[in-house]
PDB file of N, CA and C in Angstrom:
ATOM      1  N   UNK A   1     -10.836   4.320   6.793  1.00  0.00           N
ATOM      2  CA  UNK A   1     -10.594   5.647   5.710  1.00  0.00           C
ATOM      3  C   UNK A   1     -11.508   5.657   4.878  1.00  0.00           C
ATOM      4  N   UNK A   2     -12.416   7.367   5.046  1.00  0.00           N
ATOM      5  CA  UNK A   2     -12.916   7.374   4.120  1.00  0.00           C
ATOM      6  C   UNK A   2     -12.503   7.838   2.617  1.00  0.00           C
ATOM      7  N   UNK A   3     -13.911   7.833   1.782  1.00  0.00           N
ATOM      8  CA  UNK A   3     -13.325   7.914   0.405  1.00  0.00           C
ATOM      9  C   UNK A   3     -12.568   9.461   0.052  1.00  0.00           C
ATOM     10  N   UNK A   4     -12.742  10.347   1.081  1.00  0.00           N
ATOM     11  CA  UNK A   4     -11.604  11.466   0.947  1.00  0.00           C
ATOM     12  C   UNK A   4     -10.469  11.243   1.182  1.00  0.00           C
ATOM     13  N   UNK A   5     -10.153  10.435   1.803  1.00  0.00           N
ATOM     14  CA  UNK A   5      -8.623  10.258   2.370  1.00  0.00           C
ATOM     15  C   UNK A   5      -7.979   9.169   1.101  1.00  0.00           C
ATOM     16  N   UNK A   6      -8.870   8.461   0.673  1.00  0.00           N
ATOM     17  CA  UNK A   6      -8.175   7.673  -0.590  1.00  0.00           C
ATOM     18  C   UNK A   6      -8.098   8.653  -1.520  1.00  0.00           C
ATOM     19  N   UNK A   7      -8.942   9.915  -2.076  1.00  0.00           N
ATOM     20  CA  UNK A   7      -8.997  10.746  -2.923  1.00  0.00           C
ATOM     21  C   UNK A   7      -7.673  11.419  -2.607  1.00  0.00           C
ATOM     22  N   UNK A   8      -7.623  11.870  -1.517  1.00  0.00           N
ATOM     23  CA  UNK A   8      -6.535  12.292  -0.949  1.00  0.00           C
ATOM     24  C   UNK A   8      -5.160  11.708  -1.203  1.00  0.00           C
ATOM     25  N   UNK A   9      -4.937  10.503  -1.166  1.00  0.00           N
ATOM     26  CA  UNK A   9      -3.753   9.820  -1.378  1.00  0.00           C
ATOM     27  C   UNK A   9      -3.502   9.628  -3.103  1.00  0.00           C
ATOM     28  N   UNK A  10      -4.690   9.485  -3.532  1.00  0.00           N
ATOM     29  CA  UNK A  10      -4.526   9.205  -5.056  1.00  0.00           C
ATOM     30  C   UNK A  10      -4.130  10.775  -5.524  1.00  0.00           C
ATOM     31  N   UNK A  11      -4.292  11.708  -5.054  1.00  0.00           N
ATOM     32  CA  UNK A  11      -3.828  13.005  -5.500  1.00  0.00           C
ATOM     33  C   UNK A  11      -2.139  13.251  -5.217  1.00  0.00           C
ATOM     34  N   UNK A  12      -1.797  12.380  -4.371  1.00  0.00           N
ATOM     35  CA  UNK A  12      -0.250  12.734  -4.059  1.00  0.00           C
ATOM     36  C   UNK A  12       0.892  12.023  -5.286  1.00  0.00           C
ATOM     37  N   UNK A  13       2.013  12.797  -5.223  1.00  0.00           N
ATOM     38  CA  UNK A  13       2.847  12.366  -6.448  1.00  0.00           C
ATOM     39  C   UNK A  13       3.567  10.929  -5.817  1.00  0.00           C
ATOM     40  N   UNK A  14       4.122   9.996  -6.597  1.00  0.00           N
ATOM     41  CA  UNK A  14       4.317   8.699  -6.320  1.00  0.00           C
ATOM     42  C   UNK A  14       5.458   8.916  -5.033  1.00  0.00           C
ATOM     43  N   UNK A  15       6.390   9.658  -5.405  1.00  0.00           N
ATOM     44  CA  UNK A  15       7.625   9.779  -4.159  1.00  0.00           C
ATOM     45  C   UNK A  15       6.753  10.191  -2.881  1.00  0.00           C
ATOM     46  N   UNK A  16       5.837  10.948  -2.806  1.00  0.00           N
ATOM     47  CA  UNK A  16       4.993  11.268  -1.605  1.00  0.00           C
ATOM     48  C   UNK A  16       4.378   9.756  -1.294  1.00  0.00           C
ATOM     49  N   UNK A  17       3.641   9.362  -2.231  1.00  0.00           N
ATOM     50  CA  UNK A  17       2.827   8.057  -1.977  1.00  0.00           C
ATOM     51  C   UNK A  17       3.810   7.032  -0.994  1.00  0.00           C
ATOM     52  N   UNK A  18       5.252   7.072  -1.516  1.00  0.00           N
ATOM     53  CA  UNK A  18       6.192   5.970  -1.428  1.00  0.00           C
ATOM     54  C   UNK A  18       6.583   6.536   0.029  1.00  0.00           C
ATOM     55  N   UNK A  19       6.820   7.709   0.320  1.00  0.00           N
ATOM     56  CA  UNK A  19       7.028   7.903   1.974  1.00  0.00           C
ATOM     57  C   UNK A  19       5.719   7.759   2.874  1.00  0.00           C
ATOM     58  N   UNK A  20       4.630   8.018   2.267  1.00  0.00           N
ATOM     59  CA  UNK A  20       3.284   7.475   3.109  1.00  0.00           C
ATOM     60  C   UNK A  20       3.602   6.019   3.566  1.00  0.00           C
ATOM     61  N   UNK A  21       3.927   5.365   2.414  1.00  0.00           N
ATOM     62  CA  UNK A  21       3.715   3.666   2.787  1.00  0.00           C
ATOM     63  C   UNK A  21       4.892   3.310   3.645  1.00  0.00           C
ATOM     64  N   UNK A  22       6.077   4.110   3.657  1.00  0.00           N
ATOM     65  CA  UNK A  22       7.342   3.916   4.497  1.00  0.00           C
ATOM     66  C   UNK A  22       6.640   4.152   6.183  1.00  0.00           C
ATOM     67  N   UNK A  23       6.157   5.279   6.203  1.00  0.00           N
ATOM     68  CA  UNK A  23       5.551   5.868   7.261  1.00  0.00           C
ATOM     69  C   UNK A  23       4.145   4.552   7.962  1.00  0.00           C
ATOM     70  N   UNK A  24       3.673   4.125   7.327  1.00  0.00           N
ATOM     71  CA  UNK A  24       2.419   3.677   7.378  1.00  0.00           C
ATOM     72  C   UNK A  24       3.050   2.296   7.905  1.00  0.00           C
ATOM     73  N   UNK A  25       3.953   1.873   7.373  1.00  0.00           N
ATOM     74  CA  UNK A  25       4.704   0.582   7.285  1.00  0.00           C
ATOM     75  C   UNK A  25       5.466   0.684   9.163  1.00  0.00           C
ATOM     76  N   UNK A  26       5.947   1.426   9.293  1.00  0.00           N
ATOM     77  CA  UNK A  26       6.832   2.196  10.754  1.00  0.00           C
ATOM     78  C   UNK A  26       5.571   2.090  11.407  1.00  0.00           C
ATOM     79  N   UNK A  27       4.276   2.778  11.209  1.00  0.00           N
ATOM     80  CA  UNK A  27       3.381   2.830  12.527  1.00  0.00           C
ATOM     81  C   UNK A  27       2.746   1.463  12.499  1.00  0.00           C
ATOM     82  N   UNK A  28       2.582   0.720  11.421  1.00  0.00           N
ATOM     83  CA  UNK A  28       1.723  -0.746  11.719  1.00  0.00           C
ATOM     84  C   UNK A  28       2.988  -1.462  12.726  1.00  0.00           C
ATOM     85  N   UNK A  29       4.328  -1.492  12.394  1.00  0.00           N
ATOM     86  CA  UNK A  29       5.341  -2.088  13.131  1.00  0.00           C
ATOM     87  C   UNK A  29       5.164  -1.643  14.817  1.00  0.00           C
ATOM     88  N   UNK A  30       4.990  -0.546  14.872  1.00  0.00           N
ATOM     89  CA  UNK A  30       4.911   0.210  16.031  1.00  0.00           C
ATOM     90  C   UNK A  30       3.733  -0.772  17.069  1.00  0.00           C
ATOM     91  N   UNK A  31       2.513  -0.750  16.283  1.00  0.00           N
ATOM     92  CA  UNK A  31       1.269  -1.121  16.613  1.00  0.00           C
ATOM     93  C   UNK A  31       1.340  -2.323  17.112  1.00  0.00           C
ATOM     94  N   UNK A  32       2.076  -3.136  16.281  1.00  0.00           N
ATOM     95  CA  UNK A  32       1.976  -4.763  16.367  1.00  0.00           C
ATOM     96  C   UNK A  32       3.082  -4.669  17.782  1.00  0.00           C
ATOM     97  N   UNK A  33       4.033  -4.171  17.673  1.00  0.00           N
ATOM     98  CA  UNK A  33       5.045  -4.015  18.942  1.00  0.00           C
ATOM     99  C   UNK A  33       4.195  -3.914  20.229  1.00  0.00           C
ATOM    100  N   UNK A  34       2.946  -2.913  20.310  1.00  0.00           N
ATOM    101  CA  UNK A  34       2.276  -2.406  21.198  1.00  0.00           C
ATOM    102  C   UNK A  34       1.561  -3.587  21.481  1.00  0.00           C
ATOM    103  N   UNK A  35       0.619  -4.117  20.705  1.00  0.00           N
ATOM    104  CA  UNK A  35       0.119  -5.197  20.953  1.00  0.00           C
ATOM    105  C   UNK A  35       0.357  -6.560  21.415  1.00  0.00           C
ATOM    106  N   UNK A  36       1.635  -6.678  21.150  1.00  0.00           N
ATOM    107  CA  UNK A  36       2.443  -8.021  21.618  1.00  0.00           C
ATOM    108  C   UNK A  36       2.717  -7.366  22.887  1.00  0.00           C
ATOM    109  N   UNK A  37       3.081  -6.420  23.574  1.00  0.00           N
ATOM    110  CA  UNK A  37       3.541  -6.140  25.049  1.00  0.00           C
ATOM    111  C   UNK A  37       2.057  -5.438  25.697  1.00  0.00           C
ATOM    112  N   UNK A  38       0.962  -5.686  25.323  1.00  0.00           N
ATOM    113  CA  UNK A  38      -0.141  -5.646  25.861  1.00  0.00           C
ATOM    114  C   UNK A  38      -0.590  -3.823  26.458  1.00  0.00           C
ATOM    115  N   UNK A  39       0.312  -3.128  25.622  1.00  0.00           N
ATOM    116  CA  UNK A  39       0.260  -1.465  25.975  1.00  0.00           C
ATOM    117  C   UNK A  39      -0.823  -0.986  25.143  1.00  0.00           C
ATOM    118  N   UNK A  40      -1.243  -1.678  24.076  1.00  0.00           N
ATOM    119  CA  UNK A  40      -2.201  -0.820  22.658  1.00  0.00           C
ATOM    120  C   UNK A  40      -3.563  -1.290  23.434  1.00  0.00           C
ATOM    121  N   UNK A  41      -4.340  -0.331  23.800  1.00  0.00           N
ATOM    122  CA  UNK A  41      -5.473  -0.065  24.260  1.00  0.00           C
ATOM    123  C   UNK A  41      -6.906  -0.470  22.936  1.00  0.00           C
ATOM    124  N   UNK A  42      -6.516   0.001  21.955  1.00  0.00           N
ATOM    125  CA  UNK A  42      -7.320  -0.099  20.722  1.00  0.00           C
ATOM    126  C   UNK A  42      -6.664  -1.237  19.805  1.00  0.00           C
ATOM    127  N   UNK A  43      -6.897  -2.428  19.754  1.00  0.00           N
ATOM    128  CA  UNK A  43      -6.292  -3.413  18.758  1.00  0.00           C
ATOM    129  C   UNK A  43      -6.894  -2.978  17.410  1.00  0.00           C
ATOM    130  N   UNK A  44      -7.650  -2.416  17.275  1.00  0.00           N
ATOM    131  CA  UNK A  44      -8.377  -1.905  16.217  1.00  0.00           C
ATOM    132  C   UNK A  44      -7.528  -1.231  15.308  1.00  0.00           C
ATOM    133  N   UNK A  45      -6.793  -0.546  15.831  1.00  0.00           N
ATOM    134  CA  UNK A  45      -5.724   0.480  14.876  1.00  0.00           C
ATOM    135  C   UNK A  45      -4.870  -0.371  14.178  1.00  0.00           C
ATOM    136  N   UNK A  46      -4.352  -1.843  14.630  1.00  0.00           N
ATOM    137  CA  UNK A  46      -3.829  -2.547  13.682  1.00  0.00           C
ATOM    138  C   UNK A  46      -4.323  -2.943  12.576  1.00  0.00           C
ATOM    139  N   UNK A  47      -5.834  -3.132  12.472  1.00  0.00           N
ATOM    140  CA  UNK A  47      -6.398  -3.540  11.072  1.00  0.00           C
ATOM    141  C   UNK A  47      -6.522  -2.350  10.347  1.00  0.00           C
ATOM    142  N   UNK A  48      -6.479  -1.039  11.066  1.00  0.00           N
ATOM    143  CA  UNK A  48      -6.841   0.221  10.339  1.00  0.00           C
ATOM    144  C   UNK A  48      -5.255   0.518   9.582  1.00  0.00           C
ATOM    145  N   UNK A  49      -4.199   0.252  10.352  1.00  0.00           N
ATOM    146  CA  UNK A  49      -3.154   0.330   9.657  1.00  0.00           C
ATOM    147  C   UNK A  49      -2.652  -0.644   8.591  1.00  0.00           C
ATOM    148  N   UNK A  50      -3.270  -1.832   8.606  1.00  0.00           N
ATOM    149  CA  UNK A  50      -2.874  -2.765   7.709  1.00  0.00           C
ATOM    150  C   UNK A  50      -3.674  -2.410   6.315  1.00  0.00           C
ATOM    151  N   UNK A  51      -4.637  -1.944   6.486  1.00  0.00           N
ATOM    152  CA  UNK A  51      -5.495  -1.831   5.405  1.00  0.00           C
ATOM    153  C   UNK A  51      -5.047  -0.315   4.712  1.00  0.00           C
ATOM    154  N   UNK A  52      -4.236   0.709   5.492  1.00  0.00           N
ATOM    155  CA  UNK A  52      -3.782   1.706   4.953  1.00  0.00           C
ATOM    156  C   UNK A  52      -2.422   1.050   3.970  1.00  0.00           C
ATOM    157  N   UNK A  53      -1.872   0.409   4.827  1.00  0.00           N
ATOM    158  CA  UNK A  53      -0.716  -0.140   4.173  1.00  0.00           C
ATOM    159  C   UNK A  53      -1.051  -0.836   2.686  1.00  0.00           C
ATOM    160  N   UNK A  54      -2.089  -1.731   2.706  1.00  0.00           N
ATOM    161  CA  UNK A  54      -2.575  -2.096   1.418  1.00  0.00           C
ATOM    162  C   UNK A  54      -3.101  -1.218   0.670  1.00  0.00           C
ATOM    163  N   UNK A  55      -3.904  -0.247   0.932  1.00  0.00           N
ATOM    164  CA  UNK A  55      -4.480   0.759   0.005  1.00  0.00           C
ATOM    165  C   UNK A  55      -3.040   1.529  -0.532  1.00  0.00           C
ATOM    166  N   UNK A  56      -2.334   2.076   0.173  1.00  0.00           N
ATOM    167  CA  UNK A  56      -1.327   2.629  -0.542  1.00  0.00           C
ATOM    168  C   UNK A  56      -0.521   1.623  -1.422  1.00  0.00           C
ATOM    169  N   UNK A  57      -0.058   0.417  -1.081  1.00  0.00           N
ATOM    170  CA  UNK A  57       0.471  -0.140  -2.302  1.00  0.00           C
ATOM    171  C   UNK A  57      -0.490  -0.563  -3.522  1.00  0.00           C
ATOM    172  N   UNK A  58      -1.442  -0.619  -3.305  1.00  0.00           N
ATOM    173  CA  UNK A  58      -2.479  -0.723  -4.253  1.00  0.00           C
ATOM    174  C   UNK A  58      -2.343   0.408  -5.360  1.00  0.00           C
ATOM    175  N   UNK A  59      -2.333   1.687  -4.614  1.00  0.00           N
ATOM    176  CA  UNK A  59      -2.517   2.969  -5.676  1.00  0.00           C
ATOM    177  C   UNK A  59      -0.980   2.786  -6.203  1.00  0.00           C
ATOM    178  N   UNK A  60       0.059   2.463  -5.582  1.00  0.00           N
ATOM    179  CA  UNK A  60       1.419   2.420  -6.247  1.00  0.00           C
ATOM    180  C   UNK A  60       1.266   1.333  -7.113  1.00  0.00           C
ATOM    181  N   UNK A  61       0.830   0.375  -7.000  1.00  0.00           N
ATOM    182  CA  UNK A  61       0.914  -0.814  -8.270  1.00  0.00           C
ATOM    183  C   UNK A  61      -0.103  -0.335  -9.460  1.00  0.00           C
ATOM    184  N   UNK A  62      -0.964   0.361  -9.167  1.00  0.00           N
ATOM    185  CA  UNK A  62      -2.120   0.802 -10.345  1.00  0.00           C
ATOM    186  C   UNK A  62      -1.029   1.410 -11.229  1.00  0.00           C
ATOM    187  N   UNK A  63      -0.286   2.725 -10.746  1.00  0.00           N
ATOM    188  CA  UNK A  63       0.692   3.750 -11.033  1.00  0.00           C
ATOM    189  C   UNK A  63       1.642   2.927 -12.271  1.00  0.00           C
ATOM    190  N   UNK A  64       2.099   1.783 -11.289  1.00  0.00           N
ATOM    191  CA  UNK A  64       3.430   1.186 -12.009  1.00  0.00           C
ATOM    192  C   UNK A  64       2.704   0.098 -13.539  1.00  0.00           C
ATOM    193  N   UNK A  65       1.524  -0.250 -13.297  1.00  0.00           N
ATOM    194  CA  UNK A  65       0.943  -0.631 -14.386  1.00  0.00           C
ATOM    195  C   UNK A  65       0.678   0.355 -15.193  1.00  0.00           C
ATOM    196  N   UNK A  66      -0.015   1.543 -14.634  1.00  0.00           N
ATOM    197  CA  UNK A  66      -0.317   2.342 -15.993  1.00  0.00           C
ATOM    198  C   UNK A  66       1.188   3.021 -16.840  1.00  0.00           C
ATOM    199  N   UNK A  67       2.159   3.044 -15.928  1.00  0.00           N
ATOM    200  CA  UNK A  67       3.314   3.483 -16.424  1.00  0.00           C
ATOM    201  C   UNK A  67       3.905   2.396 -17.697  1.00  0.00           C
ATOM    202  N   UNK A  68       3.556   1.185 -17.222  1.00  0.00           N
ATOM    203  CA  UNK A  68       3.908   0.124 -18.210  1.00  0.00           C
ATOM    204  C   UNK A  68       3.022  -0.014 -19.295  1.00  0.00           C
ATOM    205  N   UNK A  69       1.864   0.207 -19.203  1.00  0.00           N
ATOM    206  CA  UNK A  69       1.180   0.488 -20.410  1.00  0.00           C
ATOM    207  C   UNK A  69       1.550   1.384 -21.332  1.00  0.00           C
ATOM    208  N   UNK A  70       1.608   2.467 -20.645  1.00  0.00           N
ATOM    209  CA  UNK A  70       1.943   3.921 -21.294  1.00  0.00           C
ATOM    210  C   UNK A  70       3.249   3.979 -22.125  1.00  0.00           C
ATOM    211  N   UNK A  71       4.355   3.166 -21.589  1.00  0.00           N
ATOM    212  CA  UNK A  71       5.424   2.730 -22.335  1.00  0.00           C
ATOM    213  C   UNK A  71       5.673   1.873 -23.174  1.00  0.00           C
ATOM    214  N   UNK A  72       4.803   0.787 -23.194  1.00  0.00           N
ATOM    215  CA  UNK A  72       5.007  -0.038 -24.148  1.00  0.00           C
ATOM    216  C   UNK A  72       3.826  -0.514 -25.085  1.00  0.00           C
ATOM    217  N   UNK A  73       2.653  -0.262 -24.224  1.00  0.00           N
ATOM    218  CA  UNK A  73       1.384  -0.668 -24.909  1.00  0.00           C
ATOM    219  C   UNK A  73       0.766  -1.732 -24.550  1.00  0.00           C
ATOM    220  N   UNK A  74       1.517  -2.585 -23.357  1.00  0.00           N
ATOM    221  CA  UNK A  74       0.716  -3.490 -23.048  1.00  0.00           C
ATOM    222  C   UNK A  74       1.284  -3.508 -21.352  1.00  0.00           C
ATOM    223  N   UNK A  75       0.090  -4.630 -21.089  1.00  0.00           N
ATOM    224  CA  UNK A  75       0.034  -4.657 -19.399  1.00  0.00           C
ATOM    225  C   UNK A  75       1.233  -5.438 -19.071  1.00  0.00           C
ATOM    226  N   UNK A  76       1.750  -5.138 -18.177  1.00  0.00           N
ATOM    227  CA  UNK A  76       2.993  -6.139 -17.367  1.00  0.00           C
ATOM    228  C   UNK A  76       2.461  -7.214 -16.965  1.00  0.00           C
ATOM    229  N   UNK A  77       3.610  -8.367 -17.272  1.00  0.00           N
ATOM    230  CA  UNK A  77       3.090  -9.532 -16.733  1.00  0.00           C
ATOM    231  C   UNK A  77       3.102  -9.804 -15.176  1.00  0.00           C
ATOM    232  N   UNK A  78       2.620 -10.585 -14.554  1.00  0.00           N
ATOM    233  CA  UNK A  78       2.539 -11.007 -13.096  1.00  0.00           C
ATOM    234  C   UNK A  78       3.651 -11.959 -12.945  1.00  0.00           C
ATOM    235  N   UNK A  79       3.852 -12.080 -11.651  1.00  0.00           N
ATOM    236  CA  UNK A  79       4.818 -13.389 -11.308  1.00  0.00           C
ATOM    237  C   UNK A  79       4.036 -14.490 -11.584  1.00  0.00           C
ATOM    238  N   UNK A  80       2.988 -14.700 -11.243  1.00  0.00           N
ATOM    239  CA  UNK A  80       1.988 -15.844 -11.400  1.00  0.00           C
ATOM    240  C   UNK A  80       2.164 -16.431 -12.926  1.00  0.00           C
ATOM    241  N   UNK A  81       1.966 -15.393 -13.907  1.00  0.00           N
ATOM    242  CA  UNK A  81       2.002 -15.885 -15.310  1.00  0.00           C
ATOM    243  C   UNK A  81       3.329 -16.483 -15.877  1.00  0.00           C
ATOM    244  N   UNK A  82       4.321 -15.937 -15.040  1.00  0.00           N
ATOM    245  CA  UNK A  82       5.782 -16.327 -15.741  1.00  0.00           C
ATOM    246  C   UNK A  82       5.827 -17.913 -14.968  1.00  0.00           C
ATOM    247  N   UNK A  83       5.319 -18.504 -13.802  1.00  0.00           N
ATOM    248  CA  UNK A  83       5.344 -19.525 -13.750  1.00  0.00           C
ATOM    249  C   UNK A  83       4.545 -20.417 -14.360  1.00  0.00           C
ATOM    250  N   UNK A  84       3.875 -20.196 -15.086  1.00  0.00           N
ATOM    251  CA  UNK A  84       2.997 -20.965 -15.549  1.00  0.00           C
ATOM    252  C   UNK A  84       3.685 -21.158 -17.139  1.00  0.00           C
ATOM    253  N   UNK A  85       4.487 -20.285 -17.841  1.00  0.00           N
ATOM    254  CA  UNK A  85       5.113 -20.167 -18.806  1.00  0.00           C
ATOM    255  C   UNK A  85       6.224 -21.339 -18.813  1.00  0.00           C
ATOM    256  N   UNK A  86       6.748 -21.398 -17.854  1.00  0.00           N
ATOM    257  CA  UNK A  86       8.153 -22.165 -17.799  1.00  0.00           C
ATOM    258  C   UNK A  86       7.779 -23.772 -18.072  1.00  0.00           C
TER     259      UNK A  86
END
């Protein structure tokens, strides 16, 4: 994925980005299925699809964090931090 594609993803509204994530996950599932049944000629497509899913999830998480910061002035706590405090 090029920097231009990442910039294009950043320009999408959150609902469209969520839709892109759903489509990417569906495509990844299909690619894995094809790879398992030996119908996939270019197995590097699986890696590219995984990275696209990760990239979209990262953008969604960035927006979630920015919204939380804008909402209450603090960064949201991660799940790992909660375990340490118990």
